[in-house]
Amino acid sequence: MELLLNLKGNEIRVTEEVVRAVEMNYINRNKIMKLLLNQRGNDTQITEELVCWIASFSDMEVMKLLLNLIGHEIKITEKVVEAAIGNFKGGVDVMTLLLGQKGEKIQITEGTAVKIVRRVTKGMMELLLDHKRIEIQITARLVGAPSRYSINGPEVSEFLRKRMGEFLLLSRSKVRETGTPPLVRGNQGNSCASNSLSNARNIIT
């Protein structure tokens, strides 16, 4: 690849098709991506699909290089978050880098959230719930989703159930004080409550 870039570097662009081909080289894909980005990164045609592909398999060094080169052109979307979650080797580091970029809040729909909780560890779930840019609403469907699908499922389900318990306690206190139930929030202030107090009670009992 290095020889090819030296000979025909001006003819090569980092596109979705090229990244898909690189992803197939399981052993050397991160090394190849670094070569491509170092030599042709400034000529990368950024699309949501391209960012998803890179986020799904790259390590922290590749993602850091991409963000340093053209981070201002990259928009972090729900689809990109889902792709990074599927990166079993570098997902946590890649996700942390992506969420560190400036941008708007990312609303995660229930359908995508269910896919996410079936694939994450408790640590990754906590990172998502507590990050100020991520908005995930905890529902009964979400709490029950992980336990049958992964080795981390029971731990993730229990973590989500505990969050709903904290929400219920907070809500009761808030109702007594103001008559209005609040939305439970993570450490960084993002919303992660279900739609109603009755739904919360059903989840934790």
C-alpha atoms as a PDB file:
ATOM      1  CA  MET A   1       0.000   0.000   0.000  1.00  0.00           C
ATOM      2  CA  GLU A   2       2.822   2.414   0.804  1.00  0.00           C
ATOM      3  CA  LEU A   3       4.397   1.689  -2.586  1.00  0.00           C
ATOM      4  CA  LEU A   4       1.037   2.161  -4.326  1.00  0.00           C
ATOM      5  CA  LEU A   5       0.534   5.508  -2.619  1.00  0.00           C
ATOM      6  CA  ASN A   6       4.021   6.631  -3.622  1.00  0.00           C
ATOM      7  CA  LEU A   7       3.438   5.635  -7.252  1.00  0.00           C
ATOM      8  CA  LYS A   8      -0.201   6.641  -7.710  1.00  0.00           C
ATOM      9  CA  GLY A   9      -1.002   8.688  -4.618  1.00  0.00           C
ATOM     10  CA  ASN A  10      -2.488  11.549  -6.623  1.00  0.00           C
ATOM     11  CA  GLU A  11      -5.057   9.184  -8.132  1.00  0.00           C
ATOM     12  CA  ILE A  12      -6.246   7.686  -4.833  1.00  0.00           C
ATOM     13  CA  ARG A  13      -8.995   9.239  -2.724  1.00  0.00           C
ATOM     14  CA  VAL A  14     -10.336   8.110   0.623  1.00  0.00           C
ATOM     15  CA  THR A  15     -13.891   7.115  -0.309  1.00  0.00           C
ATOM     16  CA  GLU A  16     -16.491   4.740   1.147  1.00  0.00           C
ATOM     17  CA  GLU A  17     -15.436   2.031  -1.331  1.00  0.00           C
ATOM     18  CA  VAL A  18     -11.759   2.363  -0.391  1.00  0.00           C
ATOM     19  CA  VAL A  19     -12.512   2.251   3.353  1.00  0.00           C
ATOM     20  CA  ARG A  20     -14.697  -0.839   2.907  1.00  0.00           C
ATOM     21  CA  ALA A  21     -11.833  -2.551   1.109  1.00  0.00           C
ATOM     22  CA  VAL A  22      -9.410  -1.569   3.890  1.00  0.00           C
ATOM     23  CA  GLU A  23     -11.815  -2.897   6.535  1.00  0.00           C
ATOM     24  CA  MET A  24     -11.592  -6.361   4.960  1.00  0.00           C
ATOM     25  CA  ASN A  25      -7.871  -6.512   5.794  1.00  0.00           C
ATOM     26  CA  TYR A  26      -8.376  -7.438   9.429  1.00  0.00           C
ATOM     27  CA  ILE A  27      -4.693  -7.625  10.382  1.00  0.00           C
ATOM     28  CA  ASN A  28      -3.369  -4.439   8.751  1.00  0.00           C
ATOM     29  CA  ARG A  29      -6.436  -2.237   8.348  1.00  0.00           C
ATOM     30  CA  ASN A  30      -5.469   0.361  10.961  1.00  0.00           C
ATOM     31  CA  LYS A  31      -1.957   0.625   9.531  1.00  0.00           C
ATOM     32  CA  ILE A  32      -3.370   1.043   6.014  1.00  0.00           C
ATOM     33  CA  MET A  33      -5.873   3.669   7.167  1.00  0.00           C
ATOM     34  CA  LYS A  34      -3.067   5.673   8.785  1.00  0.00           C
ATOM     35  CA  LEU A  35      -1.100   5.597   5.522  1.00  0.00           C
ATOM     36  CA  LEU A  36      -4.135   6.681   3.528  1.00  0.00           C
ATOM     37  CA  LEU A  37      -5.051   9.496   5.894  1.00  0.00           C
ATOM     38  CA  ASN A  38      -1.476  10.751   6.227  1.00  0.00           C
ATOM     39  CA  GLN A  39      -1.050  10.993   2.456  1.00  0.00           C
ATOM     40  CA  ARG A  40      -4.584  11.649   1.192  1.00  0.00           C
ATOM     41  CA  GLY A  41      -6.546  12.671   4.279  1.00  0.00           C
ATOM     42  CA  ASN A  42      -7.024  16.270   3.212  1.00  0.00           C
ATOM     43  CA  ASP A  43      -8.672  15.034   0.018  1.00  0.00           C
ATOM     44  CA  THR A  44     -11.180  12.822   1.830  1.00  0.00           C
ATOM     45  CA  GLN A  45     -14.775  12.985   0.637  1.00  0.00           C
ATOM     46  CA  ILE A  46     -16.649  13.086   3.952  1.00  0.00           C
ATOM     47  CA  THR A  47     -20.042  11.379   4.165  1.00  0.00           C
ATOM     48  CA  GLU A  48     -21.938   9.965   7.119  1.00  0.00           C
ATOM     49  CA  GLU A  49     -21.435   6.460   5.714  1.00  0.00           C
ATOM     50  CA  LEU A  50     -17.662   6.978   5.454  1.00  0.00           C
ATOM     51  CA  VAL A  51     -17.402   8.123   9.080  1.00  0.00           C
ATOM     52  CA  CYS A  52     -19.534   5.142  10.150  1.00  0.00           C
ATOM     53  CA  TRP A  53     -17.232   2.685   8.397  1.00  0.00           C
ATOM     54  CA  ILE A  54     -14.098   4.180   9.951  1.00  0.00           C
ATOM     55  CA  ALA A  55     -15.694   4.391  13.406  1.00  0.00           C
ATOM     56  CA  SER A  56     -16.761   0.748  13.200  1.00  0.00           C
ATOM     57  CA  PHE A  57     -13.234  -0.700  13.016  1.00  0.00           C
ATOM     58  CA  SER A  58     -10.534   1.924  13.577  1.00  0.00           C
ATOM     59  CA  ASP A  59      -8.395   2.319  16.671  1.00  0.00           C
ATOM     60  CA  MET A  60      -7.919   5.528  18.631  1.00  0.00           C
ATOM     61  CA  GLU A  61      -4.865   6.615  16.606  1.00  0.00           C
ATOM     62  CA  VAL A  62      -6.724   6.398  13.290  1.00  0.00           C
ATOM     63  CA  MET A  63      -9.743   8.293  14.601  1.00  0.00           C
ATOM     64  CA  LYS A  64      -7.530  10.943  16.208  1.00  0.00           C
ATOM     65  CA  LEU A  65      -5.700  11.402  12.899  1.00  0.00           C
ATOM     66  CA  LEU A  66      -8.975  11.718  11.011  1.00  0.00           C
ATOM     67  CA  LEU A  67     -10.342  14.280  13.468  1.00  0.00           C
ATOM     68  CA  ASN A  68      -7.104  16.289  13.419  1.00  0.00           C
ATOM     69  CA  LEU A  69      -7.153  16.441   9.617  1.00  0.00           C
ATOM     70  CA  ILE A  70     -10.824  17.133   8.905  1.00  0.00           C
ATOM     71  CA  GLY A  71     -12.663  17.033  12.220  1.00  0.00           C
ATOM     72  CA  HIS A  72     -14.442  20.304  11.408  1.00  0.00           C
ATOM     73  CA  GLU A  73     -16.207  18.550   8.510  1.00  0.00           C
ATOM     74  CA  ILE A  74     -17.396  15.553  10.518  1.00  0.00           C
ATOM     75  CA  LYS A  75     -20.878  15.531  12.022  1.00  0.00           C
ATOM     76  CA  ILE A  76     -21.456  13.012  14.821  1.00  0.00           C
ATOM     77  CA  THR A  77     -24.908  11.485  14.308  1.00  0.00           C
ATOM     78  CA  GLU A  78     -26.964   8.721  15.870  1.00  0.00           C
ATOM     79  CA  LYS A  79     -25.798   6.409  13.083  1.00  0.00           C
ATOM     80  CA  VAL A  80     -22.124   7.195  13.790  1.00  0.00           C
ATOM     81  CA  VAL A  81     -22.625   6.495  17.507  1.00  0.00           C
ATOM     82  CA  GLU A  82     -24.204   3.131  16.673  1.00  0.00           C
ATOM     83  CA  ALA A  83     -21.277   2.274  14.364  1.00  0.00           C
ATOM     84  CA  ALA A  84     -18.690   3.104  17.039  1.00  0.00           C
ATOM     85  CA  ILE A  85     -20.555   0.923  19.540  1.00  0.00           C
ATOM     86  CA  GLY A  86     -19.998  -2.007  17.190  1.00  0.00           C
ATOM     87  CA  ASN A  87     -16.225  -1.471  17.309  1.00  0.00           C
ATOM     88  CA  PHE A  88     -15.404  -4.195  19.816  1.00  0.00           C
ATOM     89  CA  LYS A  89     -11.685  -3.432  20.063  1.00  0.00           C
ATOM     90  CA  GLY A  90     -11.486   0.351  20.091  1.00  0.00           C
ATOM     91  CA  GLY A  91     -15.090   1.394  20.638  1.00  0.00           C
ATOM     92  CA  VAL A  92     -14.700   3.130  24.001  1.00  0.00           C
ATOM     93  CA  ASP A  93     -11.675   5.173  22.899  1.00  0.00           C
ATOM     94  CA  VAL A  94     -13.219   6.012  19.515  1.00  0.00           C
ATOM     95  CA  MET A  95     -16.522   7.009  21.133  1.00  0.00           C
ATOM     96  CA  THR A  96     -14.748   9.243  23.656  1.00  0.00           C
ATOM     97  CA  LEU A  97     -12.879  11.011  20.847  1.00  0.00           C
ATOM     98  CA  LEU A  98     -16.019  11.465  18.753  1.00  0.00           C
ATOM     99  CA  LEU A  99     -18.068  12.864  21.629  1.00  0.00           C
ATOM    100  CA  GLY A 100     -15.222  15.228  22.453  1.00  0.00           C
ATOM    101  CA  GLN A 101     -15.889  17.072  19.188  1.00  0.00           C
ATOM    102  CA  LYS A 102     -17.983  20.216  19.374  1.00  0.00           C
ATOM    103  CA  GLY A 103     -21.507  19.840  18.062  1.00  0.00           C
ATOM    104  CA  GLU A 104     -25.204  19.607  18.756  1.00  0.00           C
ATOM    105  CA  LYS A 105     -26.847  17.139  21.110  1.00  0.00           C
ATOM    106  CA  ILE A 106     -27.382  13.672  19.664  1.00  0.00           C
ATOM    107  CA  GLN A 107     -30.860  12.259  20.213  1.00  0.00           C
ATOM    108  CA  ILE A 108     -30.797   8.462  20.329  1.00  0.00           C
ATOM    109  CA  THR A 109     -34.127   6.883  19.382  1.00  0.00           C
ATOM    110  CA  GLU A 110     -35.458   3.900  21.320  1.00  0.00           C
ATOM    111  CA  GLY A 111     -34.856   1.551  18.378  1.00  0.00           C
ATOM    112  CA  THR A 112     -31.183   2.487  18.154  1.00  0.00           C
ATOM    113  CA  ALA A 113     -30.832   2.509  21.944  1.00  0.00           C
ATOM    114  CA  VAL A 114     -32.066  -1.111  22.077  1.00  0.00           C
ATOM    115  CA  LYS A 115     -29.396  -2.129  19.546  1.00  0.00           C
ATOM    116  CA  ILE A 116     -26.772  -0.276  21.586  1.00  0.00           C
ATOM    117  CA  VAL A 117     -27.591  -1.811  24.985  1.00  0.00           C
ATOM    118  CA  ARG A 118     -27.359  -5.308  23.495  1.00  0.00           C
ATOM    119  CA  ARG A 119     -23.734  -4.680  22.507  1.00  0.00           C
ATOM    120  CA  VAL A 120     -22.198  -2.518  25.236  1.00  0.00           C
ATOM    121  CA  THR A 121     -20.571  -3.006  28.608  1.00  0.00           C
ATOM    122  CA  LYS A 122     -21.816  -1.257  31.722  1.00  0.00           C
ATOM    123  CA  GLY A 123     -18.917   1.204  31.411  1.00  0.00           C
ATOM    124  CA  MET A 124     -19.855   2.173  27.856  1.00  0.00           C
ATOM    125  CA  MET A 125     -23.524   2.515  28.817  1.00  0.00           C
ATOM    126  CA  GLU A 126     -22.588   4.799  31.693  1.00  0.00           C
ATOM    127  CA  LEU A 127     -20.418   6.901  29.351  1.00  0.00           C
ATOM    128  CA  LEU A 128     -23.347   7.369  26.977  1.00  0.00           C
ATOM    129  CA  LEU A 129     -25.950   8.145  29.637  1.00  0.00           C
ATOM    130  CA  ASP A 130     -23.749  10.660  31.441  1.00  0.00           C
ATOM    131  CA  HIS A 131     -22.366  12.485  28.408  1.00  0.00           C
ATOM    132  CA  LYS A 132     -23.779  15.969  27.899  1.00  0.00           C
ATOM    133  CA  ARG A 133     -24.136  15.488  24.114  1.00  0.00           C
ATOM    134  CA  ILE A 134     -26.072  12.228  24.235  1.00  0.00           C
ATOM    135  CA  GLU A 135     -29.800  12.009  24.973  1.00  0.00           C
ATOM    136  CA  ILE A 136     -31.119   8.512  25.686  1.00  0.00           C
ATOM    137  CA  GLN A 137     -34.481   7.927  27.315  1.00  0.00           C
ATOM    138  CA  ILE A 138     -34.675   4.837  29.522  1.00  0.00           C
ATOM    139  CA  THR A 139     -37.837   2.815  28.861  1.00  0.00           C
ATOM    140  CA  ALA A 140     -39.103  -0.604  29.953  1.00  0.00           C
ATOM    141  CA  ARG A 141     -38.123  -2.003  26.551  1.00  0.00           C
ATOM    142  CA  LEU A 142     -34.599  -0.661  26.962  1.00  0.00           C
ATOM    143  CA  VAL A 143     -34.095  -2.131  30.439  1.00  0.00           C
ATOM    144  CA  GLY A 144     -35.209  -5.582  29.293  1.00  0.00           C
ATOM    145  CA  ALA A 145     -33.306  -5.599  26.007  1.00  0.00           C
ATOM    146  CA  PRO A 146     -29.701  -6.523  26.962  1.00  0.00           C
ATOM    147  CA  SER A 147     -30.008  -9.523  29.265  1.00  0.00           C
ATOM    148  CA  ARG A 148     -30.671 -12.195  26.619  1.00  0.00           C
ATOM    149  CA  TYR A 149     -28.203 -11.016  24.004  1.00  0.00           C
ATOM    150  CA  SER A 150     -24.737 -10.673  25.518  1.00  0.00           C
ATOM    151  CA  ILE A 151     -22.503 -11.733  28.365  1.00  0.00           C
ATOM    152  CA  ASN A 152     -22.753  -8.166  29.716  1.00  0.00           C
ATOM    153  CA  GLY A 153     -26.550  -8.124  29.436  1.00  0.00           C
ATOM    154  CA  PRO A 154     -27.528  -8.785  33.075  1.00  0.00           C
ATOM    155  CA  GLU A 155     -25.068  -6.173  34.361  1.00  0.00           C
ATOM    156  CA  VAL A 156     -26.256  -3.558  31.853  1.00  0.00           C
ATOM    157  CA  SER A 157     -29.915  -4.290  32.645  1.00  0.00           C
ATOM    158  CA  GLU A 158     -29.280  -3.950  36.369  1.00  0.00           C
ATOM    159  CA  PHE A 159     -27.432  -0.670  35.796  1.00  0.00           C
ATOM    160  CA  LEU A 160     -30.371   0.722  33.783  1.00  0.00           C
ATOM    161  CA  ARG A 161     -32.839  -0.519  36.386  1.00  0.00           C
ATOM    162  CA  LYS A 162     -30.823   1.233  39.108  1.00  0.00           C
ATOM    163  CA  ARG A 163     -30.904   4.475  37.120  1.00  0.00           C
ATOM    164  CA  MET A 164     -34.679   4.205  36.925  1.00  0.00           C
ATOM    165  CA  GLY A 165     -34.825   3.604  40.679  1.00  0.00           C
ATOM    166  CA  GLU A 166     -32.850   6.800  41.234  1.00  0.00           C
ATOM    167  CA  PHE A 167     -35.281   8.571  38.902  1.00  0.00           C
ATOM    168  CA  LEU A 168     -38.272   7.343  40.875  1.00  0.00           C
ATOM    169  CA  LEU A 169     -36.811   8.481  44.210  1.00  0.00           C
ATOM    170  CA  LEU A 170     -35.916  11.866  42.725  1.00  0.00           C
ATOM    171  CA  SER A 171     -39.358  12.204  41.182  1.00  0.00           C
ATOM    172  CA  ARG A 172     -41.189  11.478  44.435  1.00  0.00           C
ATOM    173  CA  SER A 173     -39.104  14.091  46.210  1.00  0.00           C
ATOM    174  CA  LYS A 174     -39.659  16.607  43.417  1.00  0.00           C
ATOM    175  CA  VAL A 175     -43.399  15.985  43.333  1.00  0.00           C
ATOM    176  CA  ARG A 176     -43.613  16.616  47.084  1.00  0.00           C
ATOM    177  CA  GLU A 177     -41.700  19.884  46.705  1.00  0.00           C
ATOM    178  CA  THR A 178     -43.161  21.300  43.492  1.00  0.00           C
ATOM    179  CA  GLY A 179     -45.929  19.031  42.307  1.00  0.00           C
ATOM    180  CA  THR A 180     -44.002  18.404  39.058  1.00  0.00           C
ATOM    181  CA  PRO A 181     -41.889  15.273  38.384  1.00  0.00           C
ATOM    182  CA  PRO A 182     -38.436  15.998  36.909  1.00  0.00           C
ATOM    183  CA  LEU A 183     -36.465  14.214  34.245  1.00  0.00           C
ATOM    184  CA  VAL A 184     -33.634  12.181  35.702  1.00  0.00           C
ATOM    185  CA  ARG A 185     -30.277  13.398  34.457  1.00  0.00           C
ATOM    186  CA  GLY A 186     -26.827  11.903  34.163  1.00  0.00           C
ATOM    187  CA  ASN A 187     -23.735  13.373  35.788  1.00  0.00           C
ATOM    188  CA  GLN A 188     -23.259  15.685  32.798  1.00  0.00           C
ATOM    189  CA  GLY A 189     -26.880  16.793  32.615  1.00  0.00           C
ATOM    190  CA  ASN A 190     -28.414  14.747  29.798  1.00  0.00           C
ATOM    191  CA  SER A 191     -31.970  13.426  29.900  1.00  0.00           C
ATOM    192  CA  CYS A 192     -32.342   9.707  30.472  1.00  0.00           C
ATOM    193  CA  ALA A 193     -35.840   9.374  31.929  1.00  0.00           C
ATOM    194  CA  SER A 194     -38.831   7.387  30.772  1.00  0.00           C
ATOM    195  CA  ASN A 195     -42.004   9.139  29.735  1.00  0.00           C
ATOM    196  CA  SER A 196     -43.859   8.648  32.986  1.00  0.00           C
ATOM    197  CA  LEU A 197     -43.558   7.811  36.642  1.00  0.00           C
ATOM    198  CA  SER A 198     -45.878   4.838  36.226  1.00  0.00           C
ATOM    199  CA  ASN A 199     -43.539   3.372  33.593  1.00  0.00           C
ATOM    200  CA  ALA A 200     -40.597   3.823  35.949  1.00  0.00           C
ATOM    201  CA  ARG A 201     -42.418   1.995  38.760  1.00  0.00           C
ATOM    202  CA  ASN A 202     -43.176  -0.911  36.430  1.00  0.00           C
ATOM    203  CA  ILE A 203     -39.499  -1.231  35.474  1.00  0.00           C
ATOM    204  CA  ILE A 204     -38.020  -1.398  38.958  1.00  0.00           C
ATOM    205  CA  THR A 205     -40.692  -3.531  40.619  1.00  0.00           C
END
